[in-house]
Amino acid sequence: MFQASEHNLRSKRREALFRTLFALMTLVLIVPVVVIIGTLVVKGAPVISFEFLFTDPINGMTEGGIFPALIGTVWLVAVALLVSVPLGVAAAVYLSEFAPDNWFTRLINLAIINLAGVPSIVHALFGVGAFVLFFRFGTSILAASLTLAIMTLPVVIVATLESLRAVPLAFREACWNMGATRWQTIRLVVLPNAVSGILTGIILEVSRTSGETAPIMFTGAAFFLPYLPESVFDQTMALSLHLFVMTTQVPGVPEHLPYGVALVLIGLVLAMNALSIAFRVYLRQRKKW
């Protein structure tokens, strides 16, 4: 019977120590999330009802529902996705499949990474100057959504780049050997096999755009509107700004009301993410490699 040496015992103790350390780090990350969501559910769930979701705010936003803010948030996220996803995927395809590896493309990649770290308030001021004033879109859904699209564009580009690079080179070479052009290879082989990774970037974008307040506060979101927007050139309410206004600007708001708005906002983000994740899982199951 073999007896463990001192070296093996030290290695096992070290492994157990790091396993415990990583478990504690994971617990530290999970516990605050559970506490926050639990608090929102306990304090916000009692206010959730059909009337709360599908009626307008009344009495200075101290009563009533959140329907205009809910619809406005969907407007902002949808238009931002329509702008940023095609642009982000196209930019990633060019950088991955067409652009030469030189100092200029490396500079572009560095700029994309740096753009992801720009504070949201800076994007808000850019949106005011570029879309509200220069392009004369005014304070509207279009101006706010374009600002959100610019802000989240690096997320889509980086996620798409990584998913494109994960497609084996052998797939491309097999298509080229069959006489396919570079664009045919990208359109019919590379992109379909990279869709699941692209959806990861879209999920991250939805999560961020839904909760941003500063960019939309200056470019398109309204303090209060008793009607729904009819086009992208109208202003709109938004859940994130509505929550900020209720908690900081409106006196006499019942305690449960902000918790209910926050719970709906998180539920909306989770619902959008769940749809994207389900579609991503479906596409991954269809992969042959």
Protein backbone atom coordinates (compact mmCIF):
# COMPACT_ATOMS: atom_id res chain seq x y z
CA MET A 1 0.00 0.00 0.00
CA PHE A 2 1.39 3.38 -1.05
CA GLN A 3 1.79 6.12 1.52
CA ALA A 4 1.44 9.76 0.48
CA SER A 5 4.66 11.69 0.64
CA GLU A 6 5.01 15.02 2.41
CA HIS A 7 5.07 16.77 -0.94
CA ASN A 8 1.75 15.17 -1.94
CA LEU A 9 0.18 16.10 1.37
CA ARG A 10 1.30 19.72 0.99
CA SER A 11 -0.13 19.79 -2.54
CA LYS A 12 -3.47 18.43 -1.33
CA ARG A 13 -3.62 20.95 1.50
CA ARG A 14 -2.79 23.76 -0.91
CA GLU A 15 -5.45 22.53 -3.34
CA ALA A 16 -8.05 22.38 -0.55
CA LEU A 17 -7.08 25.89 0.56
CA PHE A 18 -7.52 27.35 -2.94
CA ARG A 19 -10.77 25.45 -3.45
CA THR A 20 -12.12 26.94 -0.24
CA LEU A 21 -10.86 30.40 -1.22
CA PHE A 22 -12.55 30.26 -4.64
CA ALA A 23 -15.77 28.99 -3.05
CA LEU A 24 -15.76 31.92 -0.63
CA MET A 25 -15.12 34.36 -3.48
CA THR A 26 -18.07 32.89 -5.39
CA LEU A 27 -20.22 33.16 -2.28
CA VAL A 28 -19.23 36.79 -1.81
CA LEU A 29 -20.40 37.50 -5.37
CA ILE A 30 -23.66 35.54 -5.11
CA VAL A 31 -24.88 36.58 -1.66
CA PRO A 32 -25.34 40.33 -2.43
CA VAL A 33 -27.27 39.48 -5.61
CA VAL A 34 -29.56 37.11 -3.70
CA VAL A 35 -30.08 39.69 -0.94
CA ILE A 36 -30.91 42.47 -3.43
CA ILE A 37 -33.33 40.37 -5.46
CA GLY A 38 -34.88 38.94 -2.30
CA THR A 39 -35.44 42.45 -0.92
CA LEU A 40 -37.03 43.59 -4.17
CA VAL A 41 -39.32 40.56 -4.25
CA VAL A 42 -40.40 40.93 -0.63
CA LYS A 43 -41.03 44.68 -0.83
CA GLY A 44 -42.03 45.00 -4.47
CA ALA A 45 -44.12 41.91 -5.17
CA PRO A 46 -47.21 43.15 -3.23
CA VAL A 47 -47.58 46.11 -5.60
CA ILE A 48 -47.32 44.07 -8.81
CA SER A 49 -50.76 43.74 -10.41
CA PHE A 50 -52.51 44.14 -13.73
CA GLU A 51 -53.40 47.74 -12.87
CA PHE A 52 -49.79 48.52 -11.90
CA LEU A 53 -48.42 47.20 -15.19
CA PHE A 54 -51.07 48.58 -17.55
CA THR A 55 -52.16 51.95 -16.17
CA ASP A 56 -50.57 55.42 -16.16
CA PRO A 57 -49.04 57.15 -13.13
CA ILE A 58 -51.43 59.49 -11.35
CA ASN A 59 -51.38 62.02 -8.49
CA GLY A 60 -47.87 63.26 -9.28
CA MET A 61 -46.58 59.71 -9.80
CA THR A 62 -47.35 58.75 -6.20
CA GLU A 63 -50.05 56.34 -7.37
CA GLY A 64 -51.06 54.42 -10.45
CA GLY A 65 -49.00 52.27 -12.76
CA ILE A 66 -45.94 52.26 -14.98
CA PHE A 67 -47.34 51.41 -18.42
CA PRO A 68 -45.81 54.42 -20.31
CA ALA A 69 -42.40 53.76 -18.74
CA LEU A 70 -42.62 50.04 -19.54
CA ILE A 71 -43.47 50.64 -23.19
CA GLY A 72 -40.86 53.38 -23.44
CA THR A 73 -38.14 51.05 -22.17
CA VAL A 74 -39.08 48.47 -24.81
CA TRP A 75 -38.93 51.22 -27.47
CA LEU A 76 -35.46 52.35 -26.38
CA VAL A 77 -34.00 48.84 -26.17
CA ALA A 78 -35.52 47.71 -29.49
CA VAL A 79 -34.31 50.72 -31.49
CA ALA A 80 -30.85 50.54 -29.89
CA LEU A 81 -30.61 46.86 -30.86
CA LEU A 82 -31.72 47.58 -34.43
CA VAL A 83 -28.89 50.10 -34.76
CA SER A 84 -26.04 48.52 -32.81
CA VAL A 85 -26.34 44.84 -33.75
CA PRO A 86 -25.96 45.24 -37.56
CA LEU A 87 -23.18 47.82 -37.13
CA GLY A 88 -21.38 45.79 -34.48
CA VAL A 89 -21.58 42.52 -36.42
CA ALA A 90 -20.46 44.21 -39.65
CA ALA A 91 -17.48 45.84 -37.91
CA ALA A 92 -16.49 42.55 -36.29
CA VAL A 93 -16.76 40.67 -39.59
CA TYR A 94 -14.49 43.20 -41.26
CA LEU A 95 -11.91 43.15 -38.46
CA SER A 96 -11.94 39.34 -38.26
CA GLU A 97 -12.24 38.29 -41.90
CA PHE A 98 -11.07 41.16 -44.13
CA ALA A 99 -8.83 43.63 -42.29
CA PRO A 100 -5.06 43.04 -42.50
CA ASP A 101 -3.11 42.58 -39.29
CA ASN A 102 -1.27 45.90 -39.11
CA TRP A 103 -0.88 48.89 -36.80
CA PHE A 104 -4.10 50.49 -38.03
CA THR A 105 -6.37 47.55 -37.21
CA ARG A 106 -4.62 47.11 -33.87
CA LEU A 107 -5.33 50.80 -33.19
CA ILE A 108 -8.98 50.24 -34.05
CA ASN A 109 -9.18 47.29 -31.64
CA LEU A 110 -7.61 49.43 -28.92
CA ALA A 111 -10.12 52.21 -29.60
CA ILE A 112 -13.00 49.74 -29.30
CA ILE A 113 -11.72 48.51 -25.95
CA ASN A 114 -11.26 52.08 -24.70
CA LEU A 115 -14.74 53.04 -25.89
CA ALA A 116 -16.18 50.33 -23.66
CA GLY A 117 -14.68 52.07 -20.63
CA VAL A 118 -16.07 55.54 -21.29
CA PRO A 119 -18.49 56.63 -18.52
CA SER A 120 -22.15 56.74 -19.47
CA ILE A 121 -22.45 60.45 -18.66
CA VAL A 122 -19.82 61.18 -21.34
CA HIS A 123 -21.89 59.21 -23.84
CA ALA A 124 -24.90 61.26 -22.74
CA LEU A 125 -23.15 64.54 -23.50
CA PHE A 126 -21.98 63.15 -26.84
CA GLY A 127 -25.57 62.14 -27.62
CA VAL A 128 -26.80 65.65 -26.85
CA GLY A 129 -24.20 67.26 -29.06
CA ALA A 130 -24.35 64.77 -31.95
CA PHE A 131 -27.94 63.55 -32.17
CA VAL A 132 -30.05 66.16 -30.35
CA LEU A 133 -28.30 69.29 -31.67
CA PHE A 134 -26.18 68.48 -34.72
CA PHE A 135 -28.51 66.02 -36.47
CA ARG A 136 -31.57 67.89 -35.08
CA PHE A 137 -33.36 64.78 -33.85
CA GLY A 138 -34.35 66.67 -30.72
CA THR A 139 -34.99 64.96 -27.43
CA SER A 140 -36.54 61.80 -28.81
CA ILE A 141 -36.47 58.02 -28.73
CA LEU A 142 -34.21 58.05 -31.78
CA ALA A 143 -31.60 60.30 -30.15
CA ALA A 144 -31.66 58.31 -26.90
CA SER A 145 -31.49 54.95 -28.67
CA LEU A 146 -28.62 56.04 -30.90
CA THR A 147 -26.74 57.17 -27.80
CA LEU A 148 -27.36 53.81 -26.16
CA ALA A 149 -26.31 52.03 -29.36
CA ILE A 150 -22.99 53.90 -29.50
CA MET A 151 -22.40 53.16 -25.82
CA THR A 152 -23.00 49.40 -26.17
CA LEU A 153 -21.43 48.96 -29.61
CA PRO A 154 -18.07 47.72 -28.18
CA VAL A 155 -19.88 44.90 -26.36
CA VAL A 156 -21.41 43.61 -29.59
CA ILE A 157 -18.17 44.00 -31.55
CA VAL A 158 -16.00 42.19 -28.99
CA ALA A 159 -18.49 39.34 -28.48
CA THR A 160 -18.86 38.88 -32.25
CA LEU A 161 -15.09 39.01 -32.79
CA GLU A 162 -14.51 36.27 -30.25
CA SER A 163 -17.26 34.07 -31.67
CA LEU A 164 -15.96 34.51 -35.24
CA ARG A 165 -12.43 33.62 -34.20
CA ALA A 166 -13.76 30.51 -32.44
CA VAL A 167 -14.99 29.08 -35.75
CA PRO A 168 -12.28 26.63 -36.91
CA LEU A 169 -10.14 27.76 -39.82
CA ALA A 170 -10.72 24.35 -41.41
CA PHE A 171 -14.34 25.35 -42.07
CA ARG A 172 -13.17 28.32 -44.13
CA GLU A 173 -10.51 26.34 -45.98
CA ALA A 174 -13.00 23.62 -46.89
CA CYS A 175 -15.33 26.23 -48.41
CA TRP A 176 -12.51 27.93 -50.31
CA ASN A 177 -11.38 24.58 -51.70
CA MET A 178 -14.92 24.02 -52.98
CA GLY A 179 -14.74 27.30 -54.90
CA ALA A 180 -16.76 29.49 -52.53
CA THR A 181 -15.90 33.16 -52.31
CA ARG A 182 -14.84 34.78 -49.06
CA TRP A 183 -18.25 36.44 -48.61
CA GLN A 184 -20.11 33.19 -49.35
CA THR A 185 -17.98 31.44 -46.73
CA ILE A 186 -18.72 34.13 -44.16
CA ARG A 187 -22.45 34.27 -44.90
CA LEU A 188 -23.15 30.55 -45.17
CA VAL A 189 -20.61 28.99 -42.81
CA VAL A 190 -18.86 31.39 -40.45
CA LEU A 191 -21.79 33.53 -39.28
CA PRO A 192 -24.24 30.64 -38.72
CA ASN A 193 -21.64 28.91 -36.53
CA ALA A 194 -20.95 32.15 -34.63
CA VAL A 195 -24.56 33.14 -33.94
CA SER A 196 -24.60 31.73 -30.41
CA GLY A 197 -21.61 33.89 -29.45
CA ILE A 198 -23.15 36.95 -31.09
CA LEU A 199 -26.27 36.43 -28.99
CA THR A 200 -24.09 36.61 -25.87
CA GLY A 201 -23.15 40.17 -26.82
CA ILE A 202 -26.80 41.01 -27.47
CA ILE A 203 -27.75 39.67 -24.03
CA LEU A 204 -25.15 41.91 -22.40
CA GLU A 205 -26.34 44.87 -24.44
CA VAL A 206 -29.98 44.37 -23.42
CA SER A 207 -28.97 44.23 -19.77
CA ARG A 208 -27.04 47.49 -20.00
CA THR A 209 -29.38 49.52 -22.17
CA SER A 210 -32.40 48.66 -20.03
CA GLY A 211 -30.86 50.07 -16.88
CA GLU A 212 -29.03 53.15 -18.14
CA THR A 213 -30.32 56.48 -16.88
CA ALA A 214 -27.83 59.25 -17.69
CA PRO A 215 -27.73 58.80 -21.50
CA ILE A 216 -31.51 58.82 -21.89
CA MET A 217 -32.11 61.56 -19.32
CA PHE A 218 -30.47 64.15 -21.57
CA THR A 219 -31.45 62.79 -24.98
CA GLY A 220 -34.99 61.42 -25.00
CA ALA A 221 -36.54 60.28 -21.74
CA ALA A 222 -39.20 62.46 -20.14
CA PHE A 223 -39.98 63.16 -16.50
CA PHE A 224 -43.66 62.39 -17.07
CA LEU A 225 -45.78 61.79 -20.17
CA PRO A 226 -49.44 60.77 -19.94
CA TYR A 227 -49.41 59.21 -23.42
CA LEU A 228 -47.51 56.58 -25.38
CA PRO A 229 -44.97 57.48 -28.10
CA GLU A 230 -46.17 57.10 -31.67
CA SER A 231 -42.81 57.28 -33.47
CA VAL A 232 -39.09 57.36 -32.80
CA PHE A 233 -39.19 61.17 -32.91
CA ASP A 234 -41.34 61.37 -29.77
CA GLN A 235 -40.14 61.52 -26.20
CA THR A 236 -40.94 58.69 -23.85
CA MET A 237 -40.80 57.64 -20.25
CA ALA A 238 -38.41 54.88 -19.19
CA LEU A 239 -38.33 52.57 -16.19
CA SER A 240 -34.80 53.50 -15.11
CA LEU A 241 -35.49 57.26 -15.19
CA HIS A 242 -38.93 56.74 -13.65
CA LEU A 243 -37.32 54.89 -10.74
CA PHE A 244 -34.72 57.63 -10.30
CA VAL A 245 -37.35 60.38 -10.36
CA MET A 246 -39.63 58.61 -7.90
CA THR A 247 -36.87 58.01 -5.37
CA THR A 248 -35.18 61.42 -5.58
CA GLN A 249 -37.57 64.05 -6.96
CA VAL A 250 -41.14 63.13 -5.99
CA PRO A 251 -42.19 63.62 -2.35
CA GLY A 252 -44.72 61.38 -0.69
CA VAL A 253 -44.11 58.27 -2.77
CA PRO A 254 -45.22 55.09 -0.94
CA GLU A 255 -42.28 52.91 0.06
CA HIS A 256 -43.44 49.88 -1.92
CA LEU A 257 -43.79 51.74 -5.23
CA PRO A 258 -40.06 52.17 -6.12
CA TYR A 259 -39.42 48.55 -5.18
CA GLY A 260 -42.19 47.49 -7.54
CA VAL A 261 -40.69 49.53 -10.41
CA ALA A 262 -37.23 48.07 -9.75
CA LEU A 263 -38.67 44.55 -9.68
CA VAL A 264 -40.43 45.06 -13.01
CA LEU A 265 -37.24 46.47 -14.54
CA ILE A 266 -35.22 43.45 -13.43
CA GLY A 267 -38.00 41.12 -14.57
CA LEU A 268 -38.06 42.77 -18.00
CA VAL A 269 -34.29 42.38 -18.37
CA LEU A 270 -34.43 38.76 -17.23
CA ALA A 271 -37.27 38.01 -19.65
CA MET A 272 -35.37 39.47 -22.61
CA ASN A 273 -32.23 37.64 -21.59
CA ALA A 274 -34.12 34.37 -21.14
CA LEU A 275 -35.45 34.56 -24.69
CA SER A 276 -31.96 35.23 -26.06
CA ILE A 277 -30.42 32.45 -23.96
CA ALA A 278 -33.09 29.96 -25.05
CA PHE A 279 -32.44 30.81 -28.70
CA ARG A 280 -28.69 30.52 -28.13
CA VAL A 281 -29.07 27.07 -26.53
CA TYR A 282 -31.24 25.97 -29.45
CA LEU A 283 -28.60 27.08 -31.95
CA ARG A 284 -25.79 25.40 -30.01
CA GLN A 285 -27.69 22.12 -30.01
CA ARG A 286 -27.81 22.26 -33.79
CA LYS A 287 -24.06 22.56 -34.12
CA LYS A 288 -22.26 19.59 -35.64
CA TRP A 289 -18.94 20.29 -33.95
